[in-house]
Amino acid sequence: MLDSSILNEWADFLLFGQSHSHETVTAYLSDFRHFYDFLTEYVGRAVSIEDICQIDAICWRAWLSRQKNDGLCARTMSRRLSALKNFFRFLVKKKYLEDHPIFSARMPKIKKALPHPASYEIIMTLADSCSCLPGEAWVCKRDEALILLLYCTGLRISEALSLTYNDIDGNSFLTIKGKGGKTRSVPVLECVVKKIKDYVALCPYPCTRTVLFWGRRGGPLSKEVFESRILSLRRLLNFPEFLTPHTLRHSCATHLLENSDDLRGIQELLGHASLSTTQIYTDVNKKVAKSAYDAAHPRAKKEEANK
């Protein structure tokens, strides 16, 4: 049987040695347990760390095949294989083994899905309509400020919810600690800071000392609660289903790219580790341009009519 202390040590390695988020650590541990359960069934008994070190290509390919048959998407399968590779790197680091063939295993191909940005008009309507939801005035002001902050800065929701009042008070740039513990400077508009201060003035909790965005019951606002508020607004306004807090980040990137060709600058703003991640927004703009062409160009309309 696998010693739980090994998993605890791996979790600490992920969290402190590799600066992964708590969410990533939780996901990786869950992915490994899924593999461990499969391996136990595969060999017909409880397995030890020595058994795990000896798994071969047939074993992990059978695991991936099982997941595919269960209907898991390629993205989830890829993450699970990434978690398993990370665990084996940890075993190498701890001298349980010197190398392992799993490091050469190919990731399942992920079909590139374009993000769905919302229009500027939809986002502004979303922010302006926060007062239509039930709740105290300060809660509505909080939601409005957070929507505008996410859209105008391109922050991830987790990054925005980790801010303190000192981060925004008197600052034209935010210092953000993103994925992998990397920090970046993000400009923040004065109009956004004003909306945040309007919320702070009404909030019954001490925003100026600890947490900036509070929940109604006095704890830090969770992303699940904010996602629920956006869902309620979306249904109230009959807006597209793809509209989520993360859509505001996509929209920021897309709208910036529509007005600038500085892909590297947008990469740094968003905190993308790879430029290829940012380049997906160029494909979004091509899609938008093609739709506009098809809708407006006389020749495009004529060709559509002849089909």
Protein backbone atom coordinates (compact mmCIF):
# COMPACT_ATOMS: atom_id res chain seq x y z
CA MET A 1 0.00 0.00 0.00
CA LEU A 2 1.20 3.50 -0.86
CA ASP A 3 2.49 5.50 2.12
CA SER A 4 0.37 8.67 2.43
CA SER A 5 3.44 10.61 3.56
CA ILE A 6 4.78 10.39 -0.01
CA LEU A 7 1.67 12.14 -1.33
CA ASN A 8 1.90 14.76 1.39
CA GLU A 9 5.53 15.39 0.49
CA TRP A 10 4.60 15.64 -3.20
CA ALA A 11 1.84 18.13 -2.36
CA ASP A 12 4.36 20.30 -0.49
CA PHE A 13 6.72 20.04 -3.46
CA LEU A 14 3.97 21.20 -5.83
CA LEU A 15 2.89 24.03 -3.57
CA PHE A 16 6.22 25.37 -2.35
CA GLY A 17 8.82 23.90 -4.69
CA GLN A 18 6.96 24.60 -7.92
CA SER A 19 4.66 27.43 -6.73
CA HIS A 20 1.48 25.79 -8.01
CA SER A 21 -1.84 27.13 -6.77
CA HIS A 22 -3.87 25.25 -4.15
CA GLU A 23 -6.43 24.48 -6.88
CA THR A 24 -3.76 22.86 -9.09
CA VAL A 25 -2.38 20.82 -6.18
CA THR A 26 -5.87 19.57 -5.33
CA ALA A 27 -6.50 18.65 -8.98
CA TYR A 28 -3.15 16.83 -9.32
CA LEU A 29 -3.74 14.82 -6.15
CA SER A 30 -7.19 13.85 -7.41
CA ASP A 31 -5.72 12.87 -10.79
CA PHE A 32 -3.08 10.71 -9.12
CA ARG A 33 -5.67 8.97 -6.92
CA HIS A 34 -7.65 8.18 -10.05
CA PHE A 35 -4.57 6.51 -11.53
CA TYR A 36 -3.82 4.71 -8.26
CA ASP A 37 -7.37 3.29 -8.14
CA PHE A 38 -7.02 2.13 -11.74
CA LEU A 39 -3.62 0.55 -11.01
CA THR A 40 -5.01 -1.28 -7.99
CA GLU A 41 -7.76 -2.74 -10.15
CA TYR A 42 -5.29 -3.40 -12.99
CA VAL A 43 -2.94 -5.58 -10.89
CA GLY A 44 -5.64 -6.94 -8.61
CA ARG A 45 -4.12 -5.84 -5.29
CA ALA A 46 -2.99 -2.83 -3.29
CA VAL A 47 0.14 -1.34 -4.85
CA SER A 48 3.24 0.13 -3.24
CA ILE A 49 5.60 2.87 -4.35
CA GLU A 50 7.87 0.14 -5.73
CA ASP A 51 5.00 -1.13 -7.91
CA ILE A 52 4.34 2.36 -9.20
CA CYS A 53 7.99 2.84 -10.12
CA GLN A 54 7.81 -0.28 -12.29
CA ILE A 55 4.73 0.54 -14.37
CA ASP A 56 5.29 0.28 -18.11
CA ALA A 57 3.83 1.86 -21.24
CA ILE A 58 1.15 -0.83 -21.52
CA CYS A 59 -0.18 0.15 -18.10
CA TRP A 60 -0.51 3.91 -18.56
CA ARG A 61 -1.83 3.47 -22.10
CA ALA A 62 -4.52 1.19 -20.69
CA TRP A 63 -5.30 3.92 -18.15
CA LEU A 64 -5.63 6.54 -20.90
CA SER A 65 -7.73 4.16 -22.97
CA ARG A 66 -10.07 3.59 -20.02
CA GLN A 67 -10.56 7.34 -19.66
CA LYS A 68 -11.28 7.74 -23.36
CA ASN A 69 -13.85 4.95 -23.20
CA ASP A 70 -15.42 6.68 -20.21
CA GLY A 71 -15.96 9.74 -22.37
CA LEU A 72 -13.39 12.08 -20.80
CA CYS A 73 -12.28 14.96 -22.98
CA ALA A 74 -8.71 15.25 -24.24
CA ARG A 75 -8.06 18.27 -22.02
CA THR A 76 -8.86 16.33 -18.83
CA MET A 77 -6.85 13.32 -19.99
CA SER A 78 -3.91 15.59 -20.78
CA ARG A 79 -4.05 17.16 -17.31
CA ARG A 80 -4.15 13.75 -15.65
CA LEU A 81 -1.14 12.55 -17.62
CA SER A 82 0.65 15.80 -16.75
CA ALA A 83 -0.06 15.15 -13.06
CA LEU A 84 1.33 11.62 -13.35
CA LYS A 85 4.48 12.87 -15.10
CA ASN A 86 4.94 15.44 -12.36
CA PHE A 87 4.68 12.71 -9.71
CA PHE A 88 7.37 10.68 -11.46
CA ARG A 89 9.62 13.75 -11.67
CA PHE A 90 9.16 14.05 -7.93
CA LEU A 91 10.16 10.38 -7.51
CA VAL A 92 13.30 11.03 -9.56
CA LYS A 93 14.10 14.05 -7.41
CA LYS A 94 13.70 11.92 -4.26
CA LYS A 95 15.94 9.17 -5.71
CA TYR A 96 13.21 6.53 -5.88
CA LEU A 97 14.29 6.01 -9.50
CA GLU A 98 16.70 7.51 -12.01
CA ASP A 99 14.41 7.88 -15.02
CA HIS A 100 11.12 6.57 -16.38
CA PRO A 101 9.71 6.01 -19.89
CA ILE A 102 6.52 7.87 -18.98
CA PHE A 103 8.38 11.13 -19.57
CA SER A 104 8.28 10.39 -23.30
CA ALA A 105 4.53 9.71 -23.31
CA ARG A 106 2.70 12.00 -25.72
CA MET A 107 -0.11 14.17 -24.48
CA PRO A 108 -3.55 13.61 -26.04
CA LYS A 109 -4.21 16.14 -28.78
CA ILE A 110 -6.44 18.95 -27.59
CA LYS A 111 -8.68 20.60 -30.12
CA LYS A 112 -8.04 24.32 -29.90
CA ALA A 113 -11.22 26.10 -28.83
CA LEU A 114 -11.46 29.81 -29.40
CA PRO A 115 -12.50 31.91 -26.40
CA HIS A 116 -15.83 33.75 -26.60
CA PRO A 117 -15.38 37.47 -25.92
CA ALA A 118 -18.38 39.63 -25.11
CA SER A 119 -18.92 42.99 -26.74
CA TYR A 120 -18.10 46.23 -24.95
CA GLU A 121 -21.82 47.09 -24.91
CA ILE A 122 -22.75 43.81 -23.22
CA ILE A 123 -20.09 44.22 -20.55
CA MET A 124 -21.10 47.80 -19.78
CA THR A 125 -24.77 46.75 -19.58
CA LEU A 126 -23.77 43.91 -17.28
CA ALA A 127 -21.97 46.32 -14.93
CA ASP A 128 -24.75 48.92 -15.05
CA SER A 129 -27.40 46.30 -14.24
CA CYS A 130 -25.90 45.03 -10.97
CA SER A 131 -28.42 47.09 -9.00
CA CYS A 132 -31.21 45.01 -10.58
CA LEU A 133 -30.18 41.97 -8.52
CA PRO A 134 -31.52 41.52 -4.98
CA GLY A 135 -29.12 42.49 -2.23
CA GLU A 136 -27.80 45.43 -0.26
CA ALA A 137 -26.50 48.46 -2.13
CA TRP A 138 -22.88 47.68 -1.20
CA VAL A 139 -23.16 44.19 -2.71
CA CYS A 140 -24.36 45.64 -6.01
CA LYS A 141 -21.53 48.21 -5.93
CA ARG A 142 -19.07 45.39 -5.23
CA ASP A 143 -20.27 43.39 -8.23
CA GLU A 144 -20.11 46.42 -10.52
CA ALA A 145 -16.59 47.31 -9.38
CA LEU A 146 -15.37 43.73 -9.79
CA ILE A 147 -16.85 43.39 -13.29
CA LEU A 148 -15.13 46.57 -14.44
CA LEU A 149 -11.87 45.58 -12.74
CA LEU A 150 -11.79 42.21 -14.50
CA TYR A 151 -12.63 43.69 -17.88
CA CYS A 152 -10.28 46.68 -17.70
CA THR A 153 -7.26 44.80 -16.34
CA GLY A 154 -7.69 41.27 -17.75
CA LEU A 155 -7.09 39.76 -14.30
CA ARG A 156 -8.07 36.21 -13.49
CA ILE A 157 -10.90 36.11 -10.93
CA SER A 158 -8.58 34.45 -8.39
CA GLU A 159 -6.07 37.28 -8.84
CA ALA A 160 -8.73 39.96 -8.38
CA LEU A 161 -10.12 38.33 -5.23
CA SER A 162 -6.64 38.22 -3.69
CA LEU A 163 -6.24 42.02 -3.86
CA THR A 164 -6.18 44.24 -0.79
CA TYR A 165 -7.15 47.89 -0.55
CA ASN A 166 -3.48 48.89 -0.35
CA ASP A 167 -2.97 47.30 -3.77
CA ILE A 168 -5.27 49.82 -5.43
CA ASP A 169 -5.14 52.89 -3.16
CA GLY A 170 -3.11 55.62 -4.85
CA ASN A 171 -1.60 53.19 -7.38
CA SER A 172 -1.89 53.40 -11.16
CA PHE A 173 -0.39 49.90 -11.46
CA LEU A 174 -1.30 46.70 -9.65
CA THR A 175 1.41 44.21 -8.69
CA ILE A 176 -0.14 40.83 -9.40
CA LYS A 177 1.20 37.45 -8.33
CA GLY A 178 -0.07 35.06 -10.96
CA LYS A 179 0.38 31.42 -11.90
CA GLY A 180 3.70 29.87 -10.96
CA GLY A 181 4.35 32.64 -8.47
CA LYS A 182 5.31 35.08 -11.26
CA THR A 183 4.61 38.75 -10.62
CA ARG A 184 3.59 41.34 -13.20
CA SER A 185 2.50 44.99 -13.23
CA VAL A 186 -0.98 45.72 -14.55
CA PRO A 187 -2.26 49.26 -15.18
CA VAL A 188 -5.60 50.13 -13.58
CA LEU A 189 -7.80 52.99 -14.79
CA GLU A 190 -8.77 55.75 -12.39
CA CYS A 191 -12.47 55.22 -13.21
CA VAL A 192 -12.13 51.61 -12.01
CA VAL A 193 -10.40 52.71 -8.80
CA LYS A 194 -13.26 55.17 -8.22
CA LYS A 195 -15.85 52.39 -8.59
CA ILE A 196 -13.91 50.30 -6.08
CA LYS A 197 -13.77 53.20 -3.62
CA ASP A 198 -17.53 53.78 -4.05
CA TYR A 199 -18.03 50.14 -3.02
CA VAL A 200 -15.57 50.42 -0.11
CA ALA A 201 -17.42 53.49 1.22
CA LEU A 202 -20.63 51.45 1.55
CA CYS A 203 -19.17 48.07 2.59
CA PRO A 204 -19.84 47.28 6.29
CA TYR A 205 -16.61 45.27 6.57
CA PRO A 206 -13.02 46.58 6.98
CA CYS A 207 -11.92 46.68 3.33
CA THR A 208 -9.08 49.07 4.05
CA ARG A 209 -7.28 46.65 6.38
CA THR A 210 -7.59 43.12 5.07
CA VAL A 211 -9.76 41.68 2.29
CA LEU A 212 -10.89 44.04 -0.47
CA PHE A 213 -13.88 42.11 -1.81
CA TRP A 214 -16.16 40.76 0.92
CA GLY A 215 -19.02 38.29 0.86
CA ARG A 216 -22.38 39.16 2.38
CA ARG A 217 -21.74 37.12 5.53
CA GLY A 218 -18.42 38.73 6.36
CA GLY A 219 -15.91 36.35 4.78
CA PRO A 220 -13.77 36.83 1.68
CA LEU A 221 -15.86 36.80 -1.50
CA SER A 222 -15.50 33.43 -3.23
CA LYS A 223 -15.33 33.00 -6.97
CA GLU A 224 -18.29 30.60 -6.78
CA VAL A 225 -20.51 33.29 -5.25
CA PHE A 226 -19.44 35.85 -7.84
CA GLU A 227 -19.98 33.35 -10.66
CA SER A 228 -23.49 32.80 -9.31
CA ARG A 229 -24.13 36.56 -9.34
CA ILE A 230 -22.97 36.79 -12.96
CA LEU A 231 -25.21 33.83 -13.84
CA SER A 232 -28.22 35.60 -12.31
CA LEU A 233 -27.43 38.79 -14.23
CA ARG A 234 -26.94 36.84 -17.44
CA ARG A 235 -30.34 35.21 -17.12
CA LEU A 236 -32.01 38.46 -16.14
CA LEU A 237 -30.60 40.24 -19.21
CA ASN A 238 -30.94 37.22 -21.53
CA PHE A 239 -27.24 37.39 -22.36
CA PRO A 240 -25.22 34.53 -23.98
CA GLU A 241 -24.51 31.43 -21.90
CA PHE A 242 -20.75 31.76 -22.39
CA LEU A 243 -20.72 34.97 -20.32
CA THR A 244 -18.75 34.20 -17.13
CA PRO A 245 -16.18 36.10 -15.03
CA HIS A 246 -13.43 34.57 -17.19
CA THR A 247 -15.17 35.94 -20.30
CA LEU A 248 -14.28 39.42 -19.03
CA ARG A 249 -10.58 38.48 -19.24
CA HIS A 250 -11.06 37.10 -22.77
CA SER A 251 -12.90 40.27 -23.75
CA CYS A 252 -10.15 42.50 -22.40
CA ALA A 253 -7.51 40.64 -24.43
CA THR A 254 -9.60 40.58 -27.62
CA HIS A 255 -10.53 44.26 -27.46
CA LEU A 256 -6.93 45.26 -26.78
CA LEU A 257 -5.74 43.26 -29.75
CA GLU A 258 -8.38 44.87 -31.97
CA ASN A 259 -6.73 48.23 -31.26
CA SER A 260 -3.08 47.20 -30.97
CA ASP A 261 -0.62 44.82 -32.63
CA ASP A 262 1.56 44.62 -29.51
CA LEU A 263 1.08 40.90 -28.87
CA ARG A 264 4.05 40.74 -26.50
CA GLY A 265 2.70 43.58 -24.38
CA ILE A 266 -0.70 41.89 -24.12
CA GLN A 267 1.05 38.65 -23.14
CA GLU A 268 2.77 40.43 -20.26
CA LEU A 269 -0.46 42.14 -19.21
CA LEU A 270 -2.34 38.84 -19.01
CA GLY A 271 0.53 36.93 -17.42
CA HIS A 272 0.67 34.21 -20.09
CA ALA A 273 3.77 32.04 -19.80
CA SER A 274 3.82 31.41 -23.55
CA LEU A 275 3.18 33.79 -26.44
CA SER A 276 1.27 31.02 -28.20
CA THR A 277 -1.42 31.28 -25.52
CA THR A 278 -1.89 34.97 -26.32
CA GLN A 279 -1.89 34.33 -30.07
CA ILE A 280 -5.23 32.56 -29.80
CA TYR A 281 -6.81 36.01 -29.62
CA THR A 282 -5.54 36.79 -33.12
CA ASP A 283 -7.67 33.85 -34.29
CA VAL A 284 -10.66 35.32 -32.46
CA ASN A 285 -10.21 38.59 -34.34
CA LYS A 286 -9.96 36.74 -37.65
CA LYS A 287 -13.21 34.96 -36.88
CA VAL A 288 -14.93 38.25 -36.01
CA ALA A 289 -13.58 39.86 -39.18
CA LYS A 290 -14.81 36.93 -41.30
CA SER A 291 -18.29 37.17 -39.78
CA ALA A 292 -18.41 40.91 -40.44
CA TYR A 293 -17.26 40.33 -44.02
CA ASP A 294 -19.87 37.62 -44.63
CA ALA A 295 -22.60 39.84 -43.19
CA ALA A 296 -21.67 43.04 -45.05
CA HIS A 297 -19.83 42.35 -48.29
CA PRO A 298 -22.14 42.20 -51.36
CA ARG A 299 -20.09 39.45 -52.98
CA ALA A 300 -20.22 37.31 -49.84
CA LYS A 301 -24.03 37.67 -49.74
CA LYS A 302 -24.30 36.72 -53.40
CA GLU A 303 -22.20 33.58 -52.93
CA GLU A 304 -24.32 32.58 -49.92
CA ALA A 305 -27.49 32.98 -51.97
CA ASN A 306 -26.07 30.74 -54.72
CA LYS A 307 -25.29 27.87 -52.36
